[in-house]
Amino acid sequence: MLHEYDVVELKKALQGIAVPVLSEGTIVMVHDIGAQAYEVEFFDQNHQTIDVCTVVGDEYLELKWAYKDTK
């Protein structure tokens, strides 16, 4: 399971969403709807936001960097 603030990479295209495959993003919210659903802010190589969208299912995202809460 992925968590808030984890950095992920888009593994496959999202239907109807213009975020290129292999784009990186940060999980900004984990939805509690019974399935794994995440609000992800995707950004380009210049760290400009491409889109913020809901991604349902872990098969679309690959963990690149796990956020560790230091509190």
C-alpha atoms as a PDB file:
ATOM      1  CA  MET A   1       0.000   0.000   0.000  1.00  0.00           C
ATOM      2  CA  LEU A   2       1.151   3.503  -0.796  1.00  0.00           C
ATOM      3  CA  HIS A   3       0.978   6.409   1.650  1.00  0.00           C
ATOM      4  CA  GLU A   4       0.606  10.197   1.651  1.00  0.00           C
ATOM      5  CA  TYR A   5       3.716  12.000   0.422  1.00  0.00           C
ATOM      6  CA  ASP A   6       5.188   8.919  -1.267  1.00  0.00           C
ATOM      7  CA  VAL A   7       6.735   9.714  -4.649  1.00  0.00           C
ATOM      8  CA  VAL A   8       5.460   7.461  -7.425  1.00  0.00           C
ATOM      9  CA  GLU A   9       5.893   6.911 -11.139  1.00  0.00           C
ATOM     10  CA  LEU A  10       3.008   6.334 -13.539  1.00  0.00           C
ATOM     11  CA  LYS A  11       3.497   2.816 -14.993  1.00  0.00           C
ATOM     12  CA  LYS A  12       0.685   2.809 -17.560  1.00  0.00           C
ATOM     13  CA  ALA A  13      -1.626   5.317 -19.188  1.00  0.00           C
ATOM     14  CA  LEU A  14      -4.715   6.560 -17.413  1.00  0.00           C
ATOM     15  CA  GLN A  15      -7.729   6.677 -19.698  1.00  0.00           C
ATOM     16  CA  GLY A  16      -8.819  10.256 -20.393  1.00  0.00           C
ATOM     17  CA  ILE A  17      -5.896  11.793 -18.481  1.00  0.00           C
ATOM     18  CA  ALA A  18      -3.085  13.598 -20.314  1.00  0.00           C
ATOM     19  CA  VAL A  19      -0.290  12.568 -17.936  1.00  0.00           C
ATOM     20  CA  PRO A  20       2.555  10.834 -19.798  1.00  0.00           C
ATOM     21  CA  VAL A  21       3.591   7.340 -18.710  1.00  0.00           C
ATOM     22  CA  LEU A  22       6.753   7.478 -16.540  1.00  0.00           C
ATOM     23  CA  SER A  23       5.751  10.855 -15.065  1.00  0.00           C
ATOM     24  CA  GLU A  24       6.544  11.245 -11.388  1.00  0.00           C
ATOM     25  CA  GLY A  25       4.044  12.417  -8.831  1.00  0.00           C
ATOM     26  CA  THR A  26       3.415  12.816  -5.133  1.00  0.00           C
ATOM     27  CA  ILE A  27       0.500  11.192  -3.353  1.00  0.00           C
ATOM     28  CA  VAL A  28      -1.360  14.043  -1.684  1.00  0.00           C
ATOM     29  CA  MET A  29      -4.298  12.011  -0.337  1.00  0.00           C
ATOM     30  CA  VAL A  30      -5.197   8.371   0.199  1.00  0.00           C
ATOM     31  CA  HIS A  31      -8.931   7.787  -0.321  1.00  0.00           C
ATOM     32  CA  ASP A  32     -10.755   5.383   1.966  1.00  0.00           C
ATOM     33  CA  ILE A  33     -13.288   3.890  -0.459  1.00  0.00           C
ATOM     34  CA  GLY A  34     -12.628   0.176  -0.098  1.00  0.00           C
ATOM     35  CA  ALA A  35     -10.281   0.072  -3.095  1.00  0.00           C
ATOM     36  CA  GLN A  36      -6.807   1.552  -3.281  1.00  0.00           C
ATOM     37  CA  ALA A  37      -7.369   5.088  -4.562  1.00  0.00           C
ATOM     38  CA  TYR A  38      -4.953   7.969  -4.433  1.00  0.00           C
ATOM     39  CA  GLU A  39      -4.998  11.661  -5.258  1.00  0.00           C
ATOM     40  CA  VAL A  40      -1.706  12.233  -7.065  1.00  0.00           C
ATOM     41  CA  GLU A  41      -0.061  15.464  -8.188  1.00  0.00           C
ATOM     42  CA  PHE A  42       1.986  14.646 -11.280  1.00  0.00           C
ATOM     43  CA  PHE A  43       4.790  16.963 -12.345  1.00  0.00           C
ATOM     44  CA  ASP A  44       7.181  17.351 -15.257  1.00  0.00           C
ATOM     45  CA  GLN A  45      10.993  17.410 -15.299  1.00  0.00           C
ATOM     46  CA  ASN A  46      10.935  21.112 -14.355  1.00  0.00           C
ATOM     47  CA  HIS A  47       8.766  20.314 -11.317  1.00  0.00           C
ATOM     48  CA  GLN A  48       5.767  22.068 -12.828  1.00  0.00           C
ATOM     49  CA  THR A  49       2.395  20.455 -12.135  1.00  0.00           C
ATOM     50  CA  ILE A  50       0.955  18.529 -15.079  1.00  0.00           C
ATOM     51  CA  ASP A  51      -2.279  17.483 -13.375  1.00  0.00           C
ATOM     52  CA  VAL A  52      -3.783  16.385 -10.085  1.00  0.00           C
ATOM     53  CA  CYS A  53      -5.960  13.329 -10.505  1.00  0.00           C
ATOM     54  CA  THR A  54      -7.442  10.353  -8.716  1.00  0.00           C
ATOM     55  CA  VAL A  55      -5.754   7.044  -9.488  1.00  0.00           C
ATOM     56  CA  VAL A  56      -7.662   3.879  -8.553  1.00  0.00           C
ATOM     57  CA  GLY A  57      -5.565   0.733  -8.265  1.00  0.00           C
ATOM     58  CA  ASP A  58      -1.934   0.082  -7.439  1.00  0.00           C
ATOM     59  CA  GLU A  59      -1.233  -1.329 -10.910  1.00  0.00           C
ATOM     60  CA  TYR A  60      -0.849   2.216 -12.295  1.00  0.00           C
ATOM     61  CA  LEU A  61       1.735   3.429  -9.790  1.00  0.00           C
ATOM     62  CA  GLU A  62       5.236   2.351  -8.849  1.00  0.00           C
ATOM     63  CA  LEU A  63       6.819   3.561  -5.629  1.00  0.00           C
ATOM     64  CA  LYS A  64       9.975   5.605  -6.291  1.00  0.00           C
ATOM     65  CA  TRP A  65      10.561   7.058  -2.827  1.00  0.00           C
ATOM     66  CA  ALA A  66       8.759   6.316   0.437  1.00  0.00           C
ATOM     67  CA  TYR A  67       8.020   9.192   2.781  1.00  0.00           C
ATOM     68  CA  LYS A  68       9.084   8.548   6.356  1.00  0.00           C
ATOM     69  CA  ASP A  69       7.353  10.494   9.081  1.00  0.00           C
ATOM     70  CA  THR A  70      10.040  11.678  11.494  1.00  0.00           C
ATOM     71  CA  LYS A  71       7.652  12.793  14.243  1.00  0.00           C
END
